[in-house]
Amino acid sequence: MTLFARPVDVVDREPVRVMQATCADELGEIQRLWPWFEELVGLRGRRMYAVADEAAATYTTCTPVRPDDDPAALGLGVGALPGGRFRRGRLSGGPPEVYAHIGPGFDELAAAGDVDPSRPLVEFYRRRDQVELWLPVRSGTPRP
């Protein structure tokens, strides 16, 4: 039995310039960061991501920088959503229930092996009811 709504696949992504805010990788901090970040940047027409750096114990919310954005005026940093090869799984369901499947979903993706521990985990909030999990894998990992 799988947590994912569609078959898991492997994708290659280019780095993307983003504006971002970071907190400790702790549930209470994350739950405070998201509403603040969403209110600050607005949701309309935005792609929303999160990057979990397990080695640094940080969680970063981010969205691609648009030409009319001024991250400094918003008090946000600028960084890069990491690129490379990822094993991707798609979770479906309404919030907040879907969020409870993020950790177990990454565990399921990692069980297939070839994890690249030098890169962070990525969450892509595709829609209100769909979250893509991107687990970094080594560049030689074959596509299914």
N, C-alpha and C. Protein backbone atom coordinates (compact mmCIF):
# COMPACT_ATOMS: atom_id res chain seq x y z
N MET A 1 0.85 -1.19 0.00
CA MET A 1 0.00 0.00 0.00
C MET A 1 0.89 1.24 0.00
N THR A 2 0.53 2.21 -0.79
CA THR A 2 1.30 3.44 -0.91
C THR A 2 0.48 4.64 -0.44
N LEU A 3 1.18 5.66 -0.01
CA LEU A 3 0.53 6.91 0.38
C LEU A 3 0.24 7.81 -0.82
N PHE A 4 0.83 7.47 -1.96
CA PHE A 4 0.80 8.39 -3.09
C PHE A 4 -0.38 8.16 -4.03
N ALA A 5 -0.89 9.27 -4.57
CA ALA A 5 -2.06 9.25 -5.43
C ALA A 5 -1.73 8.76 -6.84
N ARG A 6 -0.49 8.91 -7.25
CA ARG A 6 -0.05 8.49 -8.59
C ARG A 6 1.26 7.74 -8.43
N PRO A 7 1.68 7.01 -9.47
CA PRO A 7 2.95 6.29 -9.36
C PRO A 7 4.12 7.25 -9.10
N VAL A 8 5.06 6.79 -8.30
CA VAL A 8 6.28 7.56 -8.01
C VAL A 8 7.11 7.61 -9.29
N ASP A 9 7.76 8.75 -9.55
CA ASP A 9 8.65 8.85 -10.70
C ASP A 9 9.92 9.57 -10.30
N VAL A 10 10.84 9.71 -11.24
CA VAL A 10 12.11 10.42 -11.02
C VAL A 10 12.15 11.58 -12.00
N VAL A 11 12.45 12.78 -11.48
CA VAL A 11 12.46 13.99 -12.31
C VAL A 11 13.77 14.74 -12.12
N ASP A 12 14.16 15.48 -13.14
CA ASP A 12 15.32 16.36 -13.07
C ASP A 12 14.82 17.80 -13.05
N ARG A 13 15.35 18.59 -12.12
CA ARG A 13 14.91 19.98 -11.95
C ARG A 13 16.12 20.90 -12.01
N GLU A 14 15.91 22.06 -12.60
CA GLU A 14 16.91 23.12 -12.59
C GLU A 14 16.73 23.94 -11.31
N PRO A 15 17.80 24.54 -10.79
CA PRO A 15 17.63 25.44 -9.64
C PRO A 15 16.74 26.62 -10.03
N VAL A 16 16.02 27.14 -9.06
CA VAL A 16 15.12 28.27 -9.29
C VAL A 16 15.42 29.34 -8.24
N ARG A 17 15.55 30.60 -8.68
CA ARG A 17 15.77 31.72 -7.76
C ARG A 17 14.47 31.99 -6.99
N VAL A 18 14.58 32.03 -5.67
CA VAL A 18 13.40 32.19 -4.82
C VAL A 18 13.62 33.25 -3.76
N MET A 19 12.51 33.81 -3.26
CA MET A 19 12.57 34.59 -2.03
C MET A 19 12.08 33.66 -0.93
N GLN A 20 12.68 33.81 0.26
CA GLN A 20 12.49 32.77 1.26
C GLN A 20 12.55 33.29 2.68
N ALA A 21 11.99 32.47 3.58
CA ALA A 21 12.08 32.70 5.03
C ALA A 21 12.34 31.34 5.68
N THR A 22 13.19 31.32 6.70
CA THR A 22 13.64 30.07 7.31
C THR A 22 13.35 30.06 8.80
N CYS A 23 13.04 28.86 9.30
CA CYS A 23 12.84 28.65 10.74
C CYS A 23 13.48 27.31 11.12
N ALA A 24 13.46 27.02 12.40
CA ALA A 24 13.91 25.71 12.87
C ALA A 24 12.95 24.65 12.33
N ASP A 25 13.47 23.47 12.05
CA ASP A 25 12.66 22.38 11.53
C ASP A 25 11.91 21.71 12.68
N GLU A 26 10.99 22.48 13.26
CA GLU A 26 10.16 22.03 14.38
C GLU A 26 8.72 22.39 14.04
N LEU A 27 7.80 21.47 14.29
CA LEU A 27 6.41 21.65 13.87
C LEU A 27 5.81 22.99 14.28
N GLY A 28 5.97 23.39 15.52
CA GLY A 28 5.41 24.66 15.98
C GLY A 28 5.94 25.85 15.20
N GLU A 29 7.24 25.85 14.93
CA GLU A 29 7.86 26.93 14.15
C GLU A 29 7.33 26.94 12.72
N ILE A 30 7.22 25.76 12.12
CA ILE A 30 6.73 25.64 10.75
C ILE A 30 5.28 26.13 10.67
N GLN A 31 4.47 25.77 11.64
CA GLN A 31 3.06 26.20 11.65
C GLN A 31 2.91 27.70 11.84
N ARG A 32 3.88 28.36 12.43
CA ARG A 32 3.86 29.83 12.53
C ARG A 32 4.39 30.48 11.25
N LEU A 33 5.39 29.85 10.64
CA LEU A 33 6.03 30.44 9.46
C LEU A 33 5.10 30.48 8.25
N TRP A 34 4.39 29.38 7.97
CA TRP A 34 3.58 29.33 6.75
C TRP A 34 2.54 30.45 6.66
N PRO A 35 1.67 30.65 7.64
CA PRO A 35 0.67 31.72 7.49
C PRO A 35 1.30 33.10 7.33
N TRP A 36 2.37 33.35 8.07
CA TRP A 36 3.07 34.64 7.96
C TRP A 36 3.61 34.83 6.54
N PHE A 37 4.27 33.80 6.00
CA PHE A 37 4.87 33.88 4.67
C PHE A 37 3.79 34.04 3.60
N GLU A 38 2.72 33.25 3.69
CA GLU A 38 1.64 33.34 2.70
C GLU A 38 0.99 34.72 2.71
N GLU A 39 0.78 35.28 3.89
CA GLU A 39 0.18 36.61 3.99
C GLU A 39 1.12 37.67 3.40
N LEU A 40 2.40 37.53 3.64
CA LEU A 40 3.39 38.49 3.18
C LEU A 40 3.51 38.52 1.66
N VAL A 41 3.62 37.34 1.02
CA VAL A 41 3.85 37.30 -0.43
C VAL A 41 2.56 37.16 -1.23
N GLY A 42 1.47 36.74 -0.59
CA GLY A 42 0.21 36.49 -1.30
C GLY A 42 0.24 35.15 -2.01
N LEU A 43 -0.91 34.55 -2.17
CA LEU A 43 -0.99 33.23 -2.79
C LEU A 43 -1.35 33.28 -4.27
N ARG A 44 -2.02 34.33 -4.70
CA ARG A 44 -2.52 34.39 -6.07
C ARG A 44 -1.38 34.29 -7.09
N GLY A 45 -1.44 33.26 -7.91
CA GLY A 45 -0.46 33.08 -8.97
C GLY A 45 0.92 32.65 -8.49
N ARG A 46 1.05 32.31 -7.24
CA ARG A 46 2.36 31.91 -6.68
C ARG A 46 2.51 30.40 -6.66
N ARG A 47 3.72 29.94 -6.87
CA ARG A 47 4.08 28.55 -6.62
C ARG A 47 4.77 28.53 -5.27
N MET A 48 4.28 27.69 -4.39
CA MET A 48 4.81 27.66 -3.03
C MET A 48 5.59 26.36 -2.79
N TYR A 49 6.76 26.52 -2.20
CA TYR A 49 7.65 25.40 -1.91
C TYR A 49 8.12 25.49 -0.47
N ALA A 50 8.63 24.36 0.01
CA ALA A 50 9.35 24.33 1.28
C ALA A 50 10.56 23.44 1.08
N VAL A 51 11.64 23.79 1.75
CA VAL A 51 12.89 23.04 1.70
C VAL A 51 13.26 22.66 3.12
N ALA A 52 13.40 21.37 3.36
CA ALA A 52 13.78 20.88 4.69
C ALA A 52 15.21 20.37 4.62
N ASP A 53 16.10 21.08 5.29
CA ASP A 53 17.51 20.69 5.35
C ASP A 53 17.72 19.93 6.65
N GLU A 54 17.74 18.61 6.53
CA GLU A 54 17.85 17.77 7.73
C GLU A 54 19.17 17.97 8.46
N ALA A 55 20.26 18.18 7.71
CA ALA A 55 21.57 18.36 8.33
C ALA A 55 21.62 19.64 9.16
N ALA A 56 21.03 20.71 8.65
CA ALA A 56 21.03 22.00 9.35
C ALA A 56 19.84 22.15 10.29
N ALA A 57 18.89 21.22 10.24
CA ALA A 57 17.67 21.27 11.05
C ALA A 57 16.89 22.57 10.81
N THR A 58 16.79 22.94 9.50
CA THR A 58 16.04 24.14 9.13
C THR A 58 14.93 23.79 8.14
N TYR A 59 13.94 24.66 8.12
CA TYR A 59 12.79 24.53 7.21
C TYR A 59 12.60 25.89 6.58
N THR A 60 12.56 25.94 5.25
CA THR A 60 12.49 27.19 4.52
C THR A 60 11.27 27.21 3.62
N THR A 61 10.41 28.22 3.77
CA THR A 61 9.32 28.44 2.84
C THR A 61 9.85 29.35 1.73
N CYS A 62 9.40 29.10 0.50
CA CYS A 62 9.92 29.92 -0.59
C CYS A 62 8.96 29.93 -1.78
N THR A 63 9.15 30.94 -2.61
CA THR A 63 8.38 31.10 -3.84
C THR A 63 9.30 31.75 -4.88
N PRO A 64 9.19 31.36 -6.16
CA PRO A 64 10.04 31.98 -7.17
C PRO A 64 9.89 33.50 -7.20
N VAL A 65 11.01 34.17 -7.41
CA VAL A 65 11.03 35.63 -7.47
C VAL A 65 10.48 36.07 -8.82
N ARG A 66 9.51 36.98 -8.78
CA ARG A 66 8.95 37.59 -9.99
C ARG A 66 9.69 38.90 -10.26
N PRO A 67 9.62 39.39 -11.50
CA PRO A 67 10.31 40.65 -11.82
C PRO A 67 9.88 41.82 -10.95
N ASP A 68 8.61 41.85 -10.51
CA ASP A 68 8.13 42.98 -9.71
C ASP A 68 8.27 42.76 -8.21
N ASP A 69 8.86 41.65 -7.79
CA ASP A 69 9.06 41.39 -6.36
C ASP A 69 10.24 42.19 -5.82
N ASP A 70 10.15 42.57 -4.56
CA ASP A 70 11.25 43.22 -3.85
C ASP A 70 11.45 42.47 -2.54
N PRO A 71 12.19 41.35 -2.58
CA PRO A 71 12.36 40.53 -1.38
C PRO A 71 12.90 41.31 -0.19
N ALA A 72 13.85 42.21 -0.41
CA ALA A 72 14.43 42.98 0.70
C ALA A 72 13.38 43.85 1.38
N ALA A 73 12.50 44.46 0.60
CA ALA A 73 11.45 45.30 1.17
C ALA A 73 10.47 44.48 2.01
N LEU A 74 10.34 43.21 1.67
CA LEU A 74 9.46 42.31 2.43
C LEU A 74 10.17 41.68 3.63
N GLY A 75 11.48 41.92 3.72
CA GLY A 75 12.25 41.31 4.80
C GLY A 75 12.59 39.86 4.55
N LEU A 76 12.61 39.47 3.27
CA LEU A 76 12.90 38.08 2.90
C LEU A 76 14.29 37.95 2.32
N GLY A 77 14.86 36.77 2.46
CA GLY A 77 16.12 36.46 1.83
C GLY A 77 15.89 35.97 0.42
N VAL A 78 16.97 35.90 -0.35
CA VAL A 78 16.92 35.35 -1.70
C VAL A 78 17.85 34.15 -1.72
N GLY A 79 17.40 33.09 -2.34
CA GLY A 79 18.20 31.87 -2.42
C GLY A 79 17.82 31.09 -3.65
N ALA A 80 18.14 29.81 -3.64
CA ALA A 80 17.84 28.95 -4.78
C ALA A 80 17.12 27.70 -4.30
N LEU A 81 16.02 27.39 -4.96
CA LEU A 81 15.39 26.10 -4.78
C LEU A 81 16.33 25.12 -5.47
N PRO A 82 16.81 24.09 -4.76
CA PRO A 82 17.84 23.24 -5.34
C PRO A 82 17.37 22.48 -6.57
N GLY A 83 18.29 22.30 -7.49
CA GLY A 83 18.03 21.49 -8.67
C GLY A 83 18.63 20.11 -8.50
N GLY A 84 18.54 19.33 -9.56
CA GLY A 84 19.10 17.99 -9.55
C GLY A 84 18.03 16.95 -9.78
N ARG A 85 18.38 15.71 -9.50
CA ARG A 85 17.46 14.59 -9.69
C ARG A 85 16.73 14.28 -8.39
N PHE A 86 15.42 14.08 -8.52
CA PHE A 86 14.56 13.81 -7.36
C PHE A 86 13.62 12.66 -7.66
N ARG A 87 13.34 11.86 -6.64
CA ARG A 87 12.24 10.89 -6.68
C ARG A 87 11.01 11.66 -6.19
N ARG A 88 9.94 11.62 -7.01
CA ARG A 88 8.77 12.44 -6.72
C ARG A 88 7.54 11.58 -6.41
N GLY A 89 6.88 11.93 -5.31
CA GLY A 89 5.61 11.31 -4.95
C GLY A 89 4.58 12.39 -4.74
N ARG A 90 3.34 12.11 -5.10
CA ARG A 90 2.27 13.10 -5.00
C ARG A 90 1.24 12.67 -3.95
N LEU A 91 1.08 13.51 -2.95
CA LEU A 91 0.08 13.29 -1.91
C LEU A 91 -1.19 14.06 -2.28
N SER A 92 -2.34 13.46 -2.03
CA SER A 92 -3.61 14.14 -2.27
C SER A 92 -4.47 14.07 -1.03
N GLY A 93 -5.25 15.11 -0.83
CA GLY A 93 -6.17 15.16 0.30
C GLY A 93 -6.23 16.57 0.85
N GLY A 94 -7.25 16.84 1.59
CA GLY A 94 -7.43 18.18 2.12
C GLY A 94 -6.56 18.45 3.33
N PRO A 95 -6.20 19.73 3.49
CA PRO A 95 -5.48 20.11 4.70
C PRO A 95 -6.42 20.10 5.89
N PRO A 96 -5.99 19.83 7.06
CA PRO A 96 -4.60 19.58 7.44
C PRO A 96 -4.20 18.10 7.34
N GLU A 97 -5.14 17.22 6.98
CA GLU A 97 -4.84 15.79 6.96
C GLU A 97 -3.68 15.44 6.04
N VAL A 98 -3.62 16.07 4.86
CA VAL A 98 -2.56 15.73 3.91
C VAL A 98 -1.18 16.02 4.50
N TYR A 99 -1.08 17.03 5.36
CA TYR A 99 0.22 17.39 5.95
C TYR A 99 0.77 16.28 6.84
N ALA A 100 -0.11 15.51 7.46
CA ALA A 100 0.33 14.40 8.32
C ALA A 100 1.01 13.29 7.53
N HIS A 101 0.83 13.29 6.20
CA HIS A 101 1.43 12.25 5.36
C HIS A 101 2.79 12.65 4.79
N ILE A 102 3.23 13.88 5.04
CA ILE A 102 4.49 14.34 4.45
C ILE A 102 5.67 13.53 4.98
N GLY A 103 5.84 13.42 6.29
CA GLY A 103 6.95 12.65 6.85
C GLY A 103 6.93 11.20 6.41
N PRO A 104 5.80 10.48 6.58
CA PRO A 104 5.74 9.10 6.11
C PRO A 104 5.94 8.97 4.60
N GLY A 105 5.50 9.99 3.85
CA GLY A 105 5.70 9.97 2.40
C GLY A 105 7.17 10.02 2.04
N PHE A 106 7.93 10.89 2.70
CA PHE A 106 9.38 10.93 2.45
C PHE A 106 10.03 9.61 2.86
N ASP A 107 9.56 9.00 3.95
CA ASP A 107 10.10 7.70 4.36
C ASP A 107 9.85 6.65 3.27
N GLU A 108 8.66 6.67 2.69
CA GLU A 108 8.34 5.72 1.62
C GLU A 108 9.24 5.94 0.40
N LEU A 109 9.46 7.20 0.03
CA LEU A 109 10.35 7.49 -1.11
C LEU A 109 11.78 7.04 -0.82
N ALA A 110 12.25 7.26 0.41
CA ALA A 110 13.62 6.91 0.78
C ALA A 110 13.84 5.40 0.80
N ALA A 111 12.79 4.64 1.06
CA ALA A 111 12.92 3.18 1.13
C ALA A 111 13.36 2.57 -0.20
N ALA A 112 13.17 3.31 -1.31
CA ALA A 112 13.60 2.81 -2.62
C ALA A 112 15.10 2.96 -2.84
N GLY A 113 15.81 3.65 -1.93
CA GLY A 113 17.27 3.77 -2.00
C GLY A 113 17.77 4.90 -2.87
N ASP A 114 19.10 4.95 -3.03
CA ASP A 114 19.81 5.95 -3.83
C ASP A 114 19.61 7.39 -3.35
N VAL A 115 19.31 7.59 -2.08
CA VAL A 115 19.09 8.93 -1.53
C VAL A 115 20.40 9.72 -1.54
N ASP A 116 20.32 10.99 -1.93
CA ASP A 116 21.47 11.89 -1.89
C ASP A 116 21.35 12.75 -0.63
N PRO A 117 22.05 12.38 0.45
CA PRO A 117 21.90 13.11 1.72
C PRO A 117 22.53 14.50 1.71
N SER A 118 23.25 14.85 0.65
CA SER A 118 23.89 16.17 0.60
C SER A 118 22.92 17.28 0.17
N ARG A 119 21.73 16.91 -0.27
CA ARG A 119 20.74 17.92 -0.71
C ARG A 119 19.48 17.82 0.15
N PRO A 120 18.75 18.93 0.27
CA PRO A 120 17.56 18.94 1.12
C PRO A 120 16.33 18.32 0.45
N LEU A 121 15.34 18.04 1.28
CA LEU A 121 14.03 17.57 0.83
C LEU A 121 13.24 18.78 0.34
N VAL A 122 12.38 18.56 -0.66
CA VAL A 122 11.56 19.66 -1.20
C VAL A 122 10.09 19.26 -1.17
N GLU A 123 9.26 20.19 -0.72
CA GLU A 123 7.81 20.04 -0.78
C GLU A 123 7.30 21.09 -1.76
N PHE A 124 6.51 20.66 -2.74
CA PHE A 124 5.90 21.58 -3.69
C PHE A 124 4.39 21.54 -3.47
N TYR A 125 3.85 22.67 -3.08
CA TYR A 125 2.42 22.77 -2.80
C TYR A 125 1.70 23.13 -4.11
N ARG A 126 1.45 22.09 -4.91
CA ARG A 126 0.89 22.26 -6.25
C ARG A 126 -0.50 22.89 -6.21
N ARG A 127 -1.33 22.38 -5.33
CA ARG A 127 -2.68 22.90 -5.13
C ARG A 127 -3.01 22.77 -3.65
N ARG A 128 -4.13 23.31 -3.26
CA ARG A 128 -4.55 23.23 -1.86
C ARG A 128 -4.62 21.79 -1.38
N ASP A 129 -4.98 20.88 -2.29
CA ASP A 129 -5.17 19.48 -1.91
C ASP A 129 -4.14 18.53 -2.53
N GLN A 130 -3.03 19.07 -3.00
CA GLN A 130 -1.99 18.21 -3.59
C GLN A 130 -0.60 18.75 -3.25
N VAL A 131 0.20 17.88 -2.63
CA VAL A 131 1.57 18.22 -2.26
C VAL A 131 2.50 17.22 -2.94
N GLU A 132 3.47 17.73 -3.70
CA GLU A 132 4.49 16.87 -4.28
C GLU A 132 5.68 16.83 -3.33
N LEU A 133 6.19 15.64 -3.08
CA LEU A 133 7.40 15.46 -2.28
C LEU A 133 8.53 15.11 -3.22
N TRP A 134 9.63 15.85 -3.13
CA TRP A 134 10.81 15.60 -3.96
C TRP A 134 11.94 15.16 -3.06
N LEU A 135 12.33 13.90 -3.17
CA LEU A 135 13.43 13.35 -2.39
C LEU A 135 14.68 13.37 -3.26
N PRO A 136 15.76 14.03 -2.83
CA PRO A 136 16.97 14.07 -3.66
C PRO A 136 17.57 12.67 -3.79
N VAL A 137 17.89 12.31 -5.03
CA VAL A 137 18.54 11.02 -5.30
C VAL A 137 19.81 11.27 -6.09
N ARG A 138 20.69 10.29 -6.08
CA ARG A 138 21.96 10.41 -6.80
C ARG A 138 21.69 10.56 -8.30
N SER A 139 22.58 11.25 -8.98
CA SER A 139 22.37 11.57 -10.40
C SER A 139 22.25 10.33 -11.28
N GLY A 140 22.82 9.21 -10.86
CA GLY A 140 22.74 7.99 -11.66
C GLY A 140 21.48 7.18 -11.44
N THR A 141 20.59 7.64 -10.58
CA THR A 141 19.36 6.91 -10.31
C THR A 141 18.53 6.85 -11.59
N PRO A 142 18.16 5.64 -12.02
CA PRO A 142 17.40 5.53 -13.27
C PRO A 142 15.98 6.04 -13.11
N ARG A 143 15.45 6.50 -14.23
CA ARG A 143 14.04 6.89 -14.27
C ARG A 143 13.21 5.62 -14.46
N PRO A 144 12.06 5.54 -13.80
CA PRO A 144 11.22 4.34 -13.98
C PRO A 144 10.69 4.23 -15.40
